């Protein structure tokens, strides 16, 4: 299901957490048990990186498992070995771009105002690089 902005809201938090922490154990009960071996060279990180590239270039409406698979040169079903669905993929994408926020952060010796300004500037830059991230719901049940 999607909201008016086209942002995919149908997610399963348990599956997203397994993927975010990259913990294959604990996948039981999430519908993510491996059926066959993954395609060589394909990984969650590679899928996420390509999905971010697609969305940054073409907009959020272009995001689909089929589009990402095409960009990676694999069949769509190959992605489902690593990521169970679009909702979880969006969670992974958002987590990845949030990781860019404070890369190379200062040591915290600046005053509170300078640190607050740094946070504001970093957030602004993140959303300028990845405008789609503004529309991603970050709440969890």
Protein backbone atom coordinates (compact mmCIF):
# COMPACT_ATOMS: atom_id res chain seq x y z
CA UNK A 1 0.00 0.00 0.00
CA UNK A 2 1.27 3.51 -0.76
CA UNK A 3 0.29 6.94 0.51
CA UNK A 4 -0.47 9.95 -1.68
CA UNK A 5 3.24 10.63 -2.24
CA UNK A 6 3.75 7.14 -3.63
CA UNK A 7 5.88 6.15 -0.64
CA UNK A 8 5.56 2.46 0.12
CA UNK A 9 4.23 1.96 3.64
CA UNK A 10 3.68 -1.82 3.74
CA UNK A 11 6.61 -3.03 5.81
CA UNK A 12 7.26 -5.78 8.26
CA UNK A 13 9.51 -4.39 11.00
CA UNK A 14 10.81 -7.82 12.08
CA UNK A 15 12.07 -8.54 8.57
CA UNK A 16 13.57 -5.07 8.29
CA UNK A 17 15.44 -5.48 11.58
CA UNK A 18 16.98 -8.79 10.48
CA UNK A 19 18.17 -7.09 7.30
CA UNK A 20 19.35 -3.88 8.97
CA UNK A 21 21.48 -5.84 11.43
CA UNK A 22 22.53 -8.30 8.70
CA UNK A 23 21.81 -11.22 11.01
CA UNK A 24 20.93 -14.38 9.09
CA UNK A 25 20.16 -16.08 12.37
CA UNK A 26 16.80 -14.92 13.58
CA UNK A 27 15.35 -15.01 10.07
CA UNK A 28 13.02 -17.81 11.11
CA UNK A 29 9.46 -16.57 11.32
CA UNK A 30 10.17 -13.58 9.08
CA UNK A 31 9.65 -15.38 5.77
CA UNK A 32 13.30 -14.89 4.83
CA UNK A 33 14.65 -18.42 4.91
CA UNK A 34 16.95 -19.11 1.97
CA UNK A 35 15.57 -21.46 -0.65
CA UNK A 36 18.51 -21.54 -3.06
CA UNK A 37 21.96 -20.08 -3.02
CA UNK A 38 22.25 -16.39 -3.87
CA UNK A 39 23.59 -15.25 -7.22
CA UNK A 40 27.34 -14.72 -6.96
CA UNK A 41 28.20 -11.06 -6.47
CA UNK A 42 24.71 -10.06 -5.41
CA UNK A 43 24.36 -8.83 -1.84
CA UNK A 44 22.03 -6.73 0.28
CA UNK A 45 24.55 -3.87 0.19
CA UNK A 46 24.85 -3.99 -3.59
CA UNK A 47 21.06 -4.05 -4.00
CA UNK A 48 20.64 -1.10 -1.63
CA UNK A 49 23.36 0.93 -3.35
CA UNK A 50 21.77 0.38 -6.75
CA UNK A 51 18.27 1.15 -5.43
CA UNK A 52 19.52 4.45 -3.99
CA UNK A 53 21.12 5.28 -7.34
CA UNK A 54 17.86 4.54 -9.17
CA UNK A 55 15.81 6.71 -6.81
CA UNK A 56 18.33 9.56 -6.68
CA UNK A 57 18.43 9.62 -10.49
CA UNK A 58 14.86 8.80 -11.49
CA UNK A 59 12.75 9.65 -8.43
CA UNK A 60 10.92 7.54 -5.89
CA UNK A 61 8.15 6.60 -8.31
CA UNK A 62 10.72 4.68 -10.39
CA UNK A 63 11.59 2.35 -7.51
CA UNK A 64 10.52 -1.23 -8.05
CA UNK A 65 12.17 -4.55 -7.50
CA UNK A 66 12.04 -5.06 -11.28
CA UNK A 67 13.79 -1.72 -11.95
CA UNK A 68 16.56 -2.42 -9.42
CA UNK A 69 17.06 -5.94 -10.78
CA UNK A 70 17.32 -4.55 -14.30
CA UNK A 71 19.97 -2.03 -13.18
CA UNK A 72 21.92 -4.88 -11.55
CA UNK A 73 21.58 -7.11 -14.61
CA UNK A 74 19.81 -9.91 -12.74
CA UNK A 75 16.34 -11.39 -12.72
CA UNK A 76 13.80 -9.78 -10.41
CA UNK A 77 13.37 -12.95 -8.37
CA UNK A 78 17.11 -12.93 -7.57
CA UNK A 79 16.56 -9.86 -5.39
CA UNK A 80 14.01 -11.64 -3.23
CA UNK A 81 16.73 -14.02 -2.06
CA UNK A 82 18.27 -11.03 -0.26
CA UNK A 83 15.44 -8.55 0.32
CA UNK A 84 11.87 -9.81 0.83
CA UNK A 85 10.08 -6.78 -0.58
CA UNK A 86 10.00 -3.14 -1.51
CA UNK A 87 9.06 -1.97 1.99
CA UNK A 88 12.12 -3.58 3.51
CA UNK A 89 14.27 -2.26 0.66
CA UNK A 90 13.11 1.28 1.46
CA UNK A 91 14.02 0.72 5.14
CA UNK A 92 17.50 -0.40 4.08
CA UNK A 93 17.91 2.53 1.71
CA UNK A 94 16.91 5.04 4.38
CA UNK A 95 19.28 3.45 6.89
CA UNK A 96 22.12 3.62 4.37
CA UNK A 97 21.62 7.32 3.63
CA UNK A 98 21.32 8.13 7.33
CA UNK A 99 24.76 6.56 7.71
CA UNK A 100 26.11 9.41 5.58
CA UNK A 101 24.94 12.04 8.05
CA UNK A 102 27.83 12.33 10.45
CA UNK A 103 30.67 10.68 8.57
CA UNK A 104 33.87 12.46 9.56
CA UNK A 105 32.15 14.20 12.47
CA UNK A 106 34.19 16.47 14.69
CA UNK A 107 35.37 15.35 18.13
CA UNK A 108 32.60 17.25 19.95
CA UNK A 109 34.88 19.92 21.35
CA UNK A 110 32.89 22.75 19.70
CA UNK A 111 30.18 24.52 21.65
CA UNK A 112 26.54 23.47 21.55
CA UNK A 113 25.57 26.10 19.00
CA UNK A 114 28.30 25.05 16.56
CA UNK A 115 27.37 21.37 17.00
CA UNK A 116 23.68 22.14 16.45
CA UNK A 117 24.51 24.11 13.32
CA UNK A 118 26.64 21.19 12.11
CA UNK A 119 23.70 18.80 12.60
CA UNK A 120 21.32 21.15 10.75
CA UNK A 121 23.71 21.60 7.84
CA UNK A 122 24.37 17.85 7.64
CA UNK A 123 20.63 17.07 7.59
CA UNK A 124 19.98 19.73 4.93
CA UNK A 125 22.77 18.31 2.75
CA UNK A 126 21.45 14.76 3.18
CA UNK A 127 17.96 15.70 2.02
CA UNK A 128 19.38 17.70 -0.89
CA UNK A 129 21.35 14.61 -2.03
CA UNK A 130 18.42 12.25 -1.43
CA UNK A 131 15.14 14.25 -1.66
CA UNK A 132 13.08 11.04 -1.58
CA UNK A 133 14.20 10.43 2.03
CA UNK A 134 11.91 13.22 3.25
CA UNK A 135 8.91 11.06 2.38
CA UNK A 136 10.02 7.89 4.15
CA UNK A 137 8.07 7.16 7.30
CA UNK A 138 10.50 6.51 10.13
CA UNK A 139 8.08 5.49 12.89
CA UNK A 140 7.91 1.92 14.14
CA UNK A 141 5.09 0.13 15.91
